[in-house]
């Protein structure tokens, strides 16, 4: 057994125990509506969808949670790159989106 991996597993398990508790709340459409949740739909290549299914199944993570975290990560990285390259340097300040 790898001690470090086991300790990380236990620490992360403890850390995220409350994290998944909100997933069951969103299963009820009335709760999702009350929270003003929005739906994002997209078509995926079959192999990409299969990979998503396999990974989420292996990790026992709902696809909704996995995709939400992926979108959050992608947006954070995108905002950082936009700021890093100073994308609005030659545009009027009023054109910059608010984050």
C-alpha atoms as a PDB file:
ATOM      1  CA  UNK A   1       0.000   0.000   0.000  1.00  0.00           C
ATOM      2  CA  UNK A   2       1.165   3.528  -0.746  1.00  0.00           C
ATOM      3  CA  UNK A   3       0.890   5.509   2.465  1.00  0.00           C
ATOM      4  CA  UNK A   4       0.797   8.968   0.857  1.00  0.00           C
ATOM      5  CA  UNK A   5      -1.904   7.957  -1.630  1.00  0.00           C
ATOM      6  CA  UNK A   6      -4.028   6.442   1.118  1.00  0.00           C
ATOM      7  CA  UNK A   7      -3.746   9.534   3.320  1.00  0.00           C
ATOM      8  CA  UNK A   8      -4.610  11.788   0.364  1.00  0.00           C
ATOM      9  CA  UNK A   9      -7.611   9.575  -0.391  1.00  0.00           C
ATOM     10  CA  UNK A  10      -8.850   9.769   3.193  1.00  0.00           C
ATOM     11  CA  UNK A  11      -8.223  13.524   3.442  1.00  0.00           C
ATOM     12  CA  UNK A  12     -10.018  14.226   0.156  1.00  0.00           C
ATOM     13  CA  UNK A  13     -12.872  11.911   1.113  1.00  0.00           C
ATOM     14  CA  UNK A  14     -13.319  13.887   4.319  1.00  0.00           C
ATOM     15  CA  UNK A  15     -12.967  17.224   2.519  1.00  0.00           C
ATOM     16  CA  UNK A  16     -15.701  16.510  -0.015  1.00  0.00           C
ATOM     17  CA  UNK A  17     -18.239  14.702   2.176  1.00  0.00           C
ATOM     18  CA  UNK A  18     -20.520  17.735   2.253  1.00  0.00           C
ATOM     19  CA  UNK A  19     -19.721  18.753  -1.318  1.00  0.00           C
ATOM     20  CA  UNK A  20     -21.906  16.112  -2.960  1.00  0.00           C
ATOM     21  CA  UNK A  21     -24.833  16.662  -0.604  1.00  0.00           C
ATOM     22  CA  UNK A  22     -26.182  19.411  -2.851  1.00  0.00           C
ATOM     23  CA  UNK A  23     -26.392  17.054  -5.853  1.00  0.00           C
ATOM     24  CA  UNK A  24     -29.584  15.399  -4.618  1.00  0.00           C
ATOM     25  CA  UNK A  25     -31.255  18.801  -4.151  1.00  0.00           C
ATOM     26  CA  UNK A  26     -30.902  19.562  -7.862  1.00  0.00           C
ATOM     27  CA  UNK A  27     -32.483  16.248  -8.882  1.00  0.00           C
ATOM     28  CA  UNK A  28     -35.873  17.821  -8.125  1.00  0.00           C
ATOM     29  CA  UNK A  29     -36.789  20.230 -10.973  1.00  0.00           C
ATOM     30  CA  UNK A  30     -38.686  22.467  -8.548  1.00  0.00           C
ATOM     31  CA  UNK A  31     -35.557  22.976  -6.452  1.00  0.00           C
ATOM     32  CA  UNK A  32     -33.493  23.707  -9.541  1.00  0.00           C
ATOM     33  CA  UNK A  33     -36.092  26.254 -10.672  1.00  0.00           C
ATOM     34  CA  UNK A  34     -36.169  27.879  -7.235  1.00  0.00           C
ATOM     35  CA  UNK A  35     -32.383  28.228  -7.353  1.00  0.00           C
ATOM     36  CA  UNK A  36     -32.688  29.718 -10.869  1.00  0.00           C
ATOM     37  CA  UNK A  37     -30.379  27.057 -12.292  1.00  0.00           C
ATOM     38  CA  UNK A  38     -29.761  27.218 -16.040  1.00  0.00           C
ATOM     39  CA  UNK A  39     -29.331  24.347 -18.464  1.00  0.00           C
ATOM     40  CA  UNK A  40     -26.448  24.115 -20.913  1.00  0.00           C
ATOM     41  CA  UNK A  41     -26.866  21.570 -23.712  1.00  0.00           C
ATOM     42  CA  UNK A  42     -24.371  20.519 -26.347  1.00  0.00           C
ATOM     43  CA  UNK A  43     -23.842  17.744 -28.839  1.00  0.00           C
ATOM     44  CA  UNK A  44     -20.813  15.546 -28.109  1.00  0.00           C
ATOM     45  CA  UNK A  45     -18.831  13.196 -30.282  1.00  0.00           C
ATOM     46  CA  UNK A  46     -19.838   9.625 -29.324  1.00  0.00           C
ATOM     47  CA  UNK A  47     -16.314   8.701 -28.192  1.00  0.00           C
ATOM     48  CA  UNK A  48     -16.106  11.815 -26.026  1.00  0.00           C
ATOM     49  CA  UNK A  49     -19.493  11.023 -24.481  1.00  0.00           C
ATOM     50  CA  UNK A  50     -18.434   7.417 -23.829  1.00  0.00           C
ATOM     51  CA  UNK A  51     -15.247   8.628 -22.153  1.00  0.00           C
ATOM     52  CA  UNK A  52     -17.292  11.024 -20.017  1.00  0.00           C
ATOM     53  CA  UNK A  53     -19.636   8.179 -19.043  1.00  0.00           C
ATOM     54  CA  UNK A  54     -16.730   5.886 -18.165  1.00  0.00           C
ATOM     55  CA  UNK A  55     -14.820   8.442 -16.111  1.00  0.00           C
ATOM     56  CA  UNK A  56     -17.898   9.607 -14.221  1.00  0.00           C
ATOM     57  CA  UNK A  57     -18.910   6.000 -13.603  1.00  0.00           C
ATOM     58  CA  UNK A  58     -15.452   5.017 -12.410  1.00  0.00           C
ATOM     59  CA  UNK A  59     -15.218   8.013 -10.077  1.00  0.00           C
ATOM     60  CA  UNK A  60     -18.896   7.766  -9.110  1.00  0.00           C
ATOM     61  CA  UNK A  61     -19.391  11.431  -9.939  1.00  0.00           C
ATOM     62  CA  UNK A  62     -22.652  12.687 -11.458  1.00  0.00           C
ATOM     63  CA  UNK A  63     -22.106  14.033 -14.979  1.00  0.00           C
ATOM     64  CA  UNK A  64     -23.768  17.289 -13.937  1.00  0.00           C
ATOM     65  CA  UNK A  65     -21.213  17.824 -11.144  1.00  0.00           C
ATOM     66  CA  UNK A  66     -18.270  16.797 -13.347  1.00  0.00           C
ATOM     67  CA  UNK A  67     -19.278  19.147 -16.164  1.00  0.00           C
ATOM     68  CA  UNK A  68     -20.018  22.001 -13.754  1.00  0.00           C
ATOM     69  CA  UNK A  69     -16.525  21.694 -12.275  1.00  0.00           C
ATOM     70  CA  UNK A  70     -14.987  21.456 -15.763  1.00  0.00           C
ATOM     71  CA  UNK A  71     -16.796  24.616 -16.904  1.00  0.00           C
ATOM     72  CA  UNK A  72     -15.727  26.479 -13.755  1.00  0.00           C
ATOM     73  CA  UNK A  73     -12.103  25.448 -14.340  1.00  0.00           C
ATOM     74  CA  UNK A  74     -12.252  26.395 -18.032  1.00  0.00           C
ATOM     75  CA  UNK A  75     -13.734  29.806 -17.242  1.00  0.00           C
ATOM     76  CA  UNK A  76     -11.160  30.530 -14.524  1.00  0.00           C
ATOM     77  CA  UNK A  77      -8.326  29.633 -16.905  1.00  0.00           C
ATOM     78  CA  UNK A  78      -9.888  31.685 -19.708  1.00  0.00           C
ATOM     79  CA  UNK A  79     -10.264  34.768 -17.516  1.00  0.00           C
ATOM     80  CA  UNK A  80      -6.643  34.410 -16.368  1.00  0.00           C
ATOM     81  CA  UNK A  81      -5.396  34.176 -19.967  1.00  0.00           C
ATOM     82  CA  UNK A  82      -7.551  37.127 -21.064  1.00  0.00           C
ATOM     83  CA  UNK A  83      -6.029  39.162 -18.247  1.00  0.00           C
ATOM     84  CA  UNK A  84      -2.495  37.833 -18.893  1.00  0.00           C
ATOM     85  CA  UNK A  85      -2.501  38.873 -22.552  1.00  0.00           C
ATOM     86  CA  UNK A  86      -4.346  42.108 -21.767  1.00  0.00           C
ATOM     87  CA  UNK A  87      -6.963  41.261 -24.398  1.00  0.00           C
ATOM     88  CA  UNK A  88      -8.721  44.616 -24.031  1.00  0.00           C
ATOM     89  CA  UNK A  89      -5.578  46.735 -24.340  1.00  0.00           C
ATOM     90  CA  UNK A  90      -6.662  48.284 -27.641  1.00  0.00           C
ATOM     91  CA  UNK A  91     -10.402  48.354 -26.918  1.00  0.00           C
ATOM     92  CA  UNK A  92     -12.437  50.873 -25.051  1.00  0.00           C
ATOM     93  CA  UNK A  93     -12.841  50.061 -21.363  1.00  0.00           C
ATOM     94  CA  UNK A  94     -16.620  49.846 -21.771  1.00  0.00           C
ATOM     95  CA  UNK A  95     -16.191  46.731 -23.934  1.00  0.00           C
ATOM     96  CA  UNK A  96     -14.490  44.637 -21.234  1.00  0.00           C
ATOM     97  CA  UNK A  97     -16.860  42.054 -19.749  1.00  0.00           C
ATOM     98  CA  UNK A  98     -17.400  42.042 -16.018  1.00  0.00           C
ATOM     99  CA  UNK A  99     -16.261  38.867 -14.302  1.00  0.00           C
END
